[in-house]
C-alpha atoms as a PDB file:
ATOM      1  CA  MET A   1      -0.724   3.565 -16.163  1.00  0.00           C
ATOM      2  CA  PRO A   2      -0.740   5.598 -19.400  1.00  0.00           C
ATOM      3  CA  GLN A   3       2.305   7.785 -19.897  1.00  0.00           C
ATOM      4  CA  ASN A   4       0.190  10.977 -20.093  1.00  0.00           C
ATOM      5  CA  ASP A   5      -1.453  10.374 -16.707  1.00  0.00           C
ATOM      6  CA  PRO A   6      -0.359  13.262 -14.429  1.00  0.00           C
ATOM      7  CA  ARG A   7      -0.883  11.322 -11.195  1.00  0.00           C
ATOM      8  CA  PRO A   8       2.258   9.799  -9.705  1.00  0.00           C
ATOM      9  CA  THR A   9       2.601   6.042  -9.661  1.00  0.00           C
ATOM     10  CA  VAL A  10       2.543   5.177  -5.975  1.00  0.00           C
ATOM     11  CA  TYR A  11       2.299   1.695  -4.488  1.00  0.00           C
ATOM     12  CA  LEU A  12       0.469   0.248  -1.504  1.00  0.00           C
ATOM     13  CA  LEU A  13       2.183  -2.500   0.486  1.00  0.00           C
ATOM     14  CA  PHE A  14       0.097  -4.572   2.859  1.00  0.00           C
ATOM     15  CA  ALA A  15       0.655  -7.742   4.853  1.00  0.00           C
ATOM     16  CA  HIS A  16      -1.984 -10.457   5.072  1.00  0.00           C
ATOM     17  CA  GLU A  17      -2.558 -14.017   6.170  1.00  0.00           C
ATOM     18  CA  PRO A  18      -0.148 -16.224   4.247  1.00  0.00           C
ATOM     19  CA  TYR A  19      -1.287 -18.308   1.324  1.00  0.00           C
ATOM     20  CA  TYR A  20       0.615 -20.887  -0.669  1.00  0.00           C
ATOM     21  CA  PRO A  21       0.232 -20.730  -4.481  1.00  0.00           C
ATOM     22  CA  ALA A  22       2.844 -23.481  -4.852  1.00  0.00           C
ATOM     23  CA  PRO A  23       4.318 -25.991  -2.407  1.00  0.00           C
ATOM     24  CA  ALA A  24       6.824 -24.362  -0.050  1.00  0.00           C
ATOM     25  CA  ARG A  25       6.096 -20.865  -1.442  1.00  0.00           C
ATOM     26  CA  GLU A  26       4.501 -18.592   1.145  1.00  0.00           C
ATOM     27  CA  ILE A  27       2.986 -15.252   0.118  1.00  0.00           C
ATOM     28  CA  ASN A  28       2.375 -12.983   3.114  1.00  0.00           C
ATOM     29  CA  THR A  29       2.803  -9.441   1.758  1.00  0.00           C
ATOM     30  CA  THR A  30       1.532  -7.778  -1.411  1.00  0.00           C
ATOM     31  CA  VAL A  31       2.388  -4.599  -3.327  1.00  0.00           C
ATOM     32  CA  VAL A  32      -0.144  -3.125  -5.767  1.00  0.00           C
ATOM     33  CA  SER A  33      -0.403   0.066  -7.771  1.00  0.00           C
ATOM     34  CA  ALA A  34      -2.337   2.678  -5.813  1.00  0.00           C
ATOM     35  CA  ASP A  35      -4.732   2.854  -8.767  1.00  0.00           C
ATOM     36  CA  SER A  36      -5.877  -0.701  -7.958  1.00  0.00           C
ATOM     37  CA  LEU A  37      -7.792   0.937  -5.096  1.00  0.00           C
ATOM     38  CA  LEU A  38     -10.033   2.425  -7.811  1.00  0.00           C
ATOM     39  CA  HIS A  39     -11.040  -1.001  -9.119  1.00  0.00           C
ATOM     40  CA  PRO A  40     -14.832  -1.491  -9.158  1.00  0.00           C
ATOM     41  CA  ARG A  41     -14.505  -4.748  -7.153  1.00  0.00           C
ATOM     42  CA  VAL A  42     -12.901  -2.838  -4.257  1.00  0.00           C
ATOM     43  CA  PRO A  43     -15.456  -1.493  -1.738  1.00  0.00           C
ATOM     44  CA  GLN A  44     -16.250   2.093  -2.680  1.00  0.00           C
ATOM     45  CA  PRO A  45     -16.061   4.896  -1.798  1.00  0.00           C
ATOM     46  CA  ASP A  46     -13.525   3.505   0.708  1.00  0.00           C
ATOM     47  CA  GLY A  47     -11.043   2.398  -1.973  1.00  0.00           C
ATOM     48  CA  ALA A  48     -11.128   5.784  -3.682  1.00  0.00           C
ATOM     49  CA  ARG A  49     -10.778   7.639  -0.381  1.00  0.00           C
ATOM     50  CA  ILE A  50      -7.805   5.489   0.665  1.00  0.00           C
ATOM     51  CA  HIS A  51      -6.336   6.057  -2.815  1.00  0.00           C
ATOM     52  CA  ALA A  52      -6.587   9.830  -2.358  1.00  0.00           C
ATOM     53  CA  ARG A  53      -4.939   9.589   1.051  1.00  0.00           C
ATOM     54  CA  LEU A  54      -2.233   7.262  -0.277  1.00  0.00           C
ATOM     55  CA  VAL A  55      -1.134   9.342  -3.274  1.00  0.00           C
ATOM     56  CA  HIS A  56      -1.374  12.803  -1.687  1.00  0.00           C
ATOM     57  CA  GLY A  57       2.097  14.320  -1.349  1.00  0.00           C
ATOM     58  CA  ARG A  58       3.954  11.122  -2.320  1.00  0.00           C
ATOM     59  CA  ARG A  59       6.918  10.794  -4.651  1.00  0.00           C
ATOM     60  CA  PRO A  60       6.455   8.862  -7.898  1.00  0.00           C
ATOM     61  CA  GLY A  61       7.508   5.272  -7.284  1.00  0.00           C
ATOM     62  CA  GLU A  62       7.076   5.495  -3.516  1.00  0.00           C
ATOM     63  CA  ILE A  63       6.037   2.279  -1.781  1.00  0.00           C
ATOM     64  CA  VAL A  64       3.775   3.101   1.149  1.00  0.00           C
ATOM     65  CA  PRO A  65       3.110   0.387   3.729  1.00  0.00           C
ATOM     66  CA  LEU A  66      -0.409   0.293   5.125  1.00  0.00           C
ATOM     67  CA  SER A  67       1.192   0.809   8.543  1.00  0.00           C
ATOM     68  CA  THR A  68       2.488   4.207   7.367  1.00  0.00           C
ATOM     69  CA  LEU A  69      -1.059   5.288   6.539  1.00  0.00           C
ATOM     70  CA  THR A  70      -2.163   3.991   9.939  1.00  0.00           C
ATOM     71  CA  HIS A  71       0.610   6.050  11.580  1.00  0.00           C
ATOM     72  CA  GLU A  72      -0.472   9.148   9.619  1.00  0.00           C
ATOM     73  CA  LEU A  73      -4.048   8.602  10.767  1.00  0.00           C
ATOM     74  CA  ASP A  74      -3.155   9.001  14.438  1.00  0.00           C
ATOM     75  CA  GLY A  75      -2.184   5.379  14.897  1.00  0.00           C
ATOM     76  CA  GLY A  76      -5.387   4.250  13.192  1.00  0.00           C
ATOM     77  CA  ALA A  77      -7.786   6.300  15.306  1.00  0.00           C
ATOM     78  CA  ARG A  78      -8.912   8.187  12.178  1.00  0.00           C
ATOM     79  CA  TRP A  79      -9.287   5.254   9.769  1.00  0.00           C
ATOM     80  CA  LYS A  80     -13.068   5.447  10.174  1.00  0.00           C
ATOM     81  CA  GLU A  81     -12.916   8.924   8.591  1.00  0.00           C
ATOM     82  CA  VAL A  82     -11.169   7.525   5.500  1.00  0.00           C
ATOM     83  CA  GLY A  83     -12.359   3.973   4.904  1.00  0.00           C
ATOM     84  CA  ASP A  84     -12.488   0.343   5.941  1.00  0.00           C
ATOM     85  CA  TRP A  85      -8.900  -0.687   5.243  1.00  0.00           C
ATOM     86  CA  GLU A  86      -9.586  -4.324   6.172  1.00  0.00           C
ATOM     87  CA  ALA A  87     -12.376  -4.776   3.612  1.00  0.00           C
ATOM     88  CA  VAL A  88     -10.352  -2.905   1.002  1.00  0.00           C
ATOM     89  CA  THR A  89      -7.175  -4.971   1.452  1.00  0.00           C
ATOM     90  CA  GLU A  90      -9.189  -8.214   1.478  1.00  0.00           C
ATOM     91  CA  SER A  91     -10.714  -7.161  -1.859  1.00  0.00           C
ATOM     92  CA  LEU A  92      -7.307  -6.193  -3.251  1.00  0.00           C
ATOM     93  CA  LEU A  93      -5.888  -9.566  -2.280  1.00  0.00           C
ATOM     94  CA  GLN A  94      -8.804 -11.299  -4.016  1.00  0.00           C
ATOM     95  CA  LEU A  95      -8.193  -9.186  -7.148  1.00  0.00           C
ATOM     96  CA  VAL A  96      -4.560 -10.298  -7.126  1.00  0.00           C
ATOM     97  CA  ARG A  97      -5.454 -13.952  -6.623  1.00  0.00           C
ATOM     98  CA  ASP A  98      -8.052 -13.728  -9.438  1.00  0.00           C
ATOM     99  CA  ARG A  99      -5.423 -12.045 -11.660  1.00  0.00           C
ATOM    100  CA  ASP A 100      -7.638  -8.975 -12.121  1.00  0.00           C
ATOM    101  CA  CYS A 101      -4.682  -6.690 -11.349  1.00  0.00           C
ATOM    102  CA  ASP A 102      -0.921  -7.077 -11.182  1.00  0.00           C
ATOM    103  CA  ALA A 103       0.962  -7.285  -7.914  1.00  0.00           C
ATOM    104  CA  LEU A 104       4.319  -8.018  -6.428  1.00  0.00           C
ATOM    105  CA  SER A 105       3.573 -10.963  -4.146  1.00  0.00           C
ATOM    106  CA  LEU A 106       6.204 -11.500  -1.478  1.00  0.00           C
ATOM    107  CA  GLY A 107       7.033 -14.105   1.119  1.00  0.00           C
ATOM    108  CA  LEU A 108       8.882 -11.845   3.525  1.00  0.00           C
ATOM    109  CA  PRO A 109      10.831 -13.214   6.479  1.00  0.00           C
ATOM    110  CA  GLU A 110       9.207 -12.649   9.859  1.00  0.00           C
ATOM    111  CA  LEU A 111      11.490  -9.747  10.867  1.00  0.00           C
ATOM    112  CA  SER A 112      11.085  -7.896   7.556  1.00  0.00           C
ATOM    113  CA  ARG A 113       7.337  -8.305   7.693  1.00  0.00           C
ATOM    114  CA  ALA A 114       7.233  -7.108  11.313  1.00  0.00           C
ATOM    115  CA  LEU A 115       9.220  -3.989  10.392  1.00  0.00           C
ATOM    116  CA  LEU A 116       6.807  -3.173   7.554  1.00  0.00           C
ATOM    117  CA  CYS A 117       3.745  -3.842   9.715  1.00  0.00           C
ATOM    118  CA  ALA A 118       5.062  -1.509  12.405  1.00  0.00           C
ATOM    119  CA  GLY A 119       4.839   2.249  11.998  1.00  0.00           C
ATOM    120  CA  PRO A 120       7.739   4.192  10.520  1.00  0.00           C
ATOM    121  CA  HIS A 121       9.222   5.102  13.917  1.00  0.00           C
ATOM    122  CA  THR A 122       8.606   1.829  15.743  1.00  0.00           C
ATOM    123  CA  VAL A 123      11.294  -0.522  16.987  1.00  0.00           C
ATOM    124  CA  VAL A 124      11.021  -4.285  16.769  1.00  0.00           C
ATOM    125  CA  ARG A 125      12.764  -6.377  19.388  1.00  0.00           C
ATOM    126  CA  ALA A 126      13.916  -9.853  18.498  1.00  0.00           C
ATOM    127  CA  ALA A 127      13.320 -12.512  21.158  1.00  0.00           C
ATOM    128  CA  VAL A 128      17.066 -12.779  21.593  1.00  0.00           C
ATOM    129  CA  GLY A 129      19.406 -10.300  20.036  1.00  0.00           C
ATOM    130  CA  PRO A 130      19.348  -6.790  18.660  1.00  0.00           C
ATOM    131  CA  ILE A 131      16.649  -4.168  18.327  1.00  0.00           C
ATOM    132  CA  TYR A 132      15.554  -3.190  14.808  1.00  0.00           C
ATOM    133  CA  GLY A 133      14.157   0.213  13.942  1.00  0.00           C
ATOM    134  CA  PRO A 134      13.440   2.820  11.291  1.00  0.00           C
ATOM    135  CA  THR A 135      16.769   2.372   9.482  1.00  0.00           C
ATOM    136  CA  ASP A 136      16.159  -1.372   9.170  1.00  0.00           C
ATOM    137  CA  ARG A 137      12.613  -0.695   7.934  1.00  0.00           C
ATOM    138  CA  THR A 138      14.004   1.660   5.285  1.00  0.00           C
ATOM    139  CA  GLU A 139      16.399  -1.069   4.146  1.00  0.00           C
ATOM    140  CA  VAL A 140      13.543  -3.580   3.830  1.00  0.00           C
ATOM    141  CA  LEU A 141      11.528  -1.047   1.798  1.00  0.00           C
ATOM    142  CA  ALA A 142      14.561  -0.445  -0.419  1.00  0.00           C
ATOM    143  CA  GLN A 143      14.811  -4.190  -1.088  1.00  0.00           C
ATOM    144  CA  VAL A 144      11.093  -4.336  -1.882  1.00  0.00           C
ATOM    145  CA  GLY A 145      11.685  -1.405  -4.247  1.00  0.00           C
ATOM    146  CA  ARG A 146      14.445  -3.342  -6.026  1.00  0.00           C
ATOM    147  CA  ASP A 147      12.167  -6.379  -6.283  1.00  0.00           C
ATOM    148  CA  LEU A 148       9.403  -4.152  -7.671  1.00  0.00           C
ATOM    149  CA  ALA A 149      11.732  -2.588 -10.242  1.00  0.00           C
ATOM    150  CA  TRP A 150      12.735  -6.070 -11.391  1.00  0.00           C
ATOM    151  CA  ALA A 151       9.084  -7.203 -11.542  1.00  0.00           C
ATOM    152  CA  GLU A 152       8.101  -4.096 -13.496  1.00  0.00           C
ATOM    153  CA  ALA A 153      11.012  -4.219 -15.958  1.00  0.00           C
ATOM    154  CA  GLY A 154       9.413  -3.081 -19.195  1.00  0.00           C
ATOM    155  CA  SER A 155       5.856  -2.892 -17.875  1.00  0.00           C
ATOM    156  CA  PRO A 156       4.411  -1.182 -14.779  1.00  0.00           C
ATOM    157  CA  LEU A 157       2.016  -3.036 -12.507  1.00  0.00           C
ATOM    158  CA  TRP A 158      -1.407  -3.135 -14.160  1.00  0.00           C
ATOM    159  CA  PRO A 159      -4.044  -1.797 -11.728  1.00  0.00           C
ATOM    160  CA  GLY A 160      -6.947  -3.558 -13.441  1.00  0.00           C
ATOM    161  CA  ASP A 161      -9.610  -2.533 -15.935  1.00  0.00           C
ATOM    162  CA  ASN A 162     -12.580  -0.159 -15.767  1.00  0.00           C
ATOM    163  CA  LEU A 163     -11.110   1.850 -12.898  1.00  0.00           C
ATOM    164  CA  LEU A 164     -13.249   4.469 -11.208  1.00  0.00           C
ATOM    165  CA  PRO A 165     -12.177   8.116 -11.256  1.00  0.00           C
ATOM    166  CA  PRO A 166     -10.144   9.273  -8.258  1.00  0.00           C
ATOM    167  CA  VAL A 167     -11.828  11.427  -5.624  1.00  0.00           C
ATOM    168  CA  ASN A 168     -10.709  14.903  -4.707  1.00  0.00           C
ATOM    169  CA  CYS A 169      -7.882  14.588  -2.201  1.00  0.00           C
ATOM    170  CA  ALA A 170      -8.863  17.869  -0.518  1.00  0.00           C
ATOM    171  CA  ASP A 171     -12.282  16.385   0.341  1.00  0.00           C
ATOM    172  CA  VAL A 172     -10.677  13.291   1.888  1.00  0.00           C
ATOM    173  CA  LEU A 173      -8.214  15.348   3.929  1.00  0.00           C
ATOM    174  CA  ARG A 174     -10.954  17.708   5.073  1.00  0.00           C
ATOM    175  CA  GLY A 175     -13.120  14.711   6.044  1.00  0.00           C
ATOM    176  CA  ALA A 176     -10.207  13.340   8.063  1.00  0.00           C
ATOM    177  CA  GLY A 177      -9.908  16.607   9.985  1.00  0.00           C
ATOM    178  CA  GLU A 178      -6.947  17.946   8.043  1.00  0.00           C
ATOM    179  CA  VAL A 179      -6.683  21.155   6.098  1.00  0.00           C
ATOM    180  CA  PRO A 180      -5.218  20.650   2.623  1.00  0.00           C
ATOM    181  CA  PRO A 181      -2.713  23.208   1.381  1.00  0.00           C
ATOM    182  CA  ALA A 182      -4.225  26.184  -0.428  1.00  0.00           C
ATOM    183  CA  ALA A 183      -4.125  25.936  -4.208  1.00  0.00           C
ATOM    184  CA  GLY A 184      -1.929  28.223  -6.048  1.00  0.00           C
END
């Protein structure tokens, strides 16, 4: 992202069916720049609407799991008001595999992946043993953040070329039944 771009760099993390780019190397989770949602090969206007929802009110550098957006959208009941997240993440994964945008591709252990796929306040119970919750999820996100910082050393994730302009966040929030804060 150009240095003079006023929008914060925010990242989308999503889990997907595993694939194996090399023997014994599983990739089951991907992190992309939020701006990759504006790529012309991503279904639109869904990608742009999810982008607006993703970046609104976030801190620069924040990694937002798809499950967090689902939680914010009443457990997914309001996804239809924002966009088709399944089609969008499938397209993002294809962009990554075609090398048309940069990504942090991860092979997360089952527990870590489960924590990131669960909402921010959910607990995950191991078959035998302890219960994992929000604190454990935060630790997994912190590790992903360290991995992302290492991957981006010297160069931020490239979101792709010929990106579409972002949509007005207030329109997306209004369409999702929320009232954006008043300007000013």
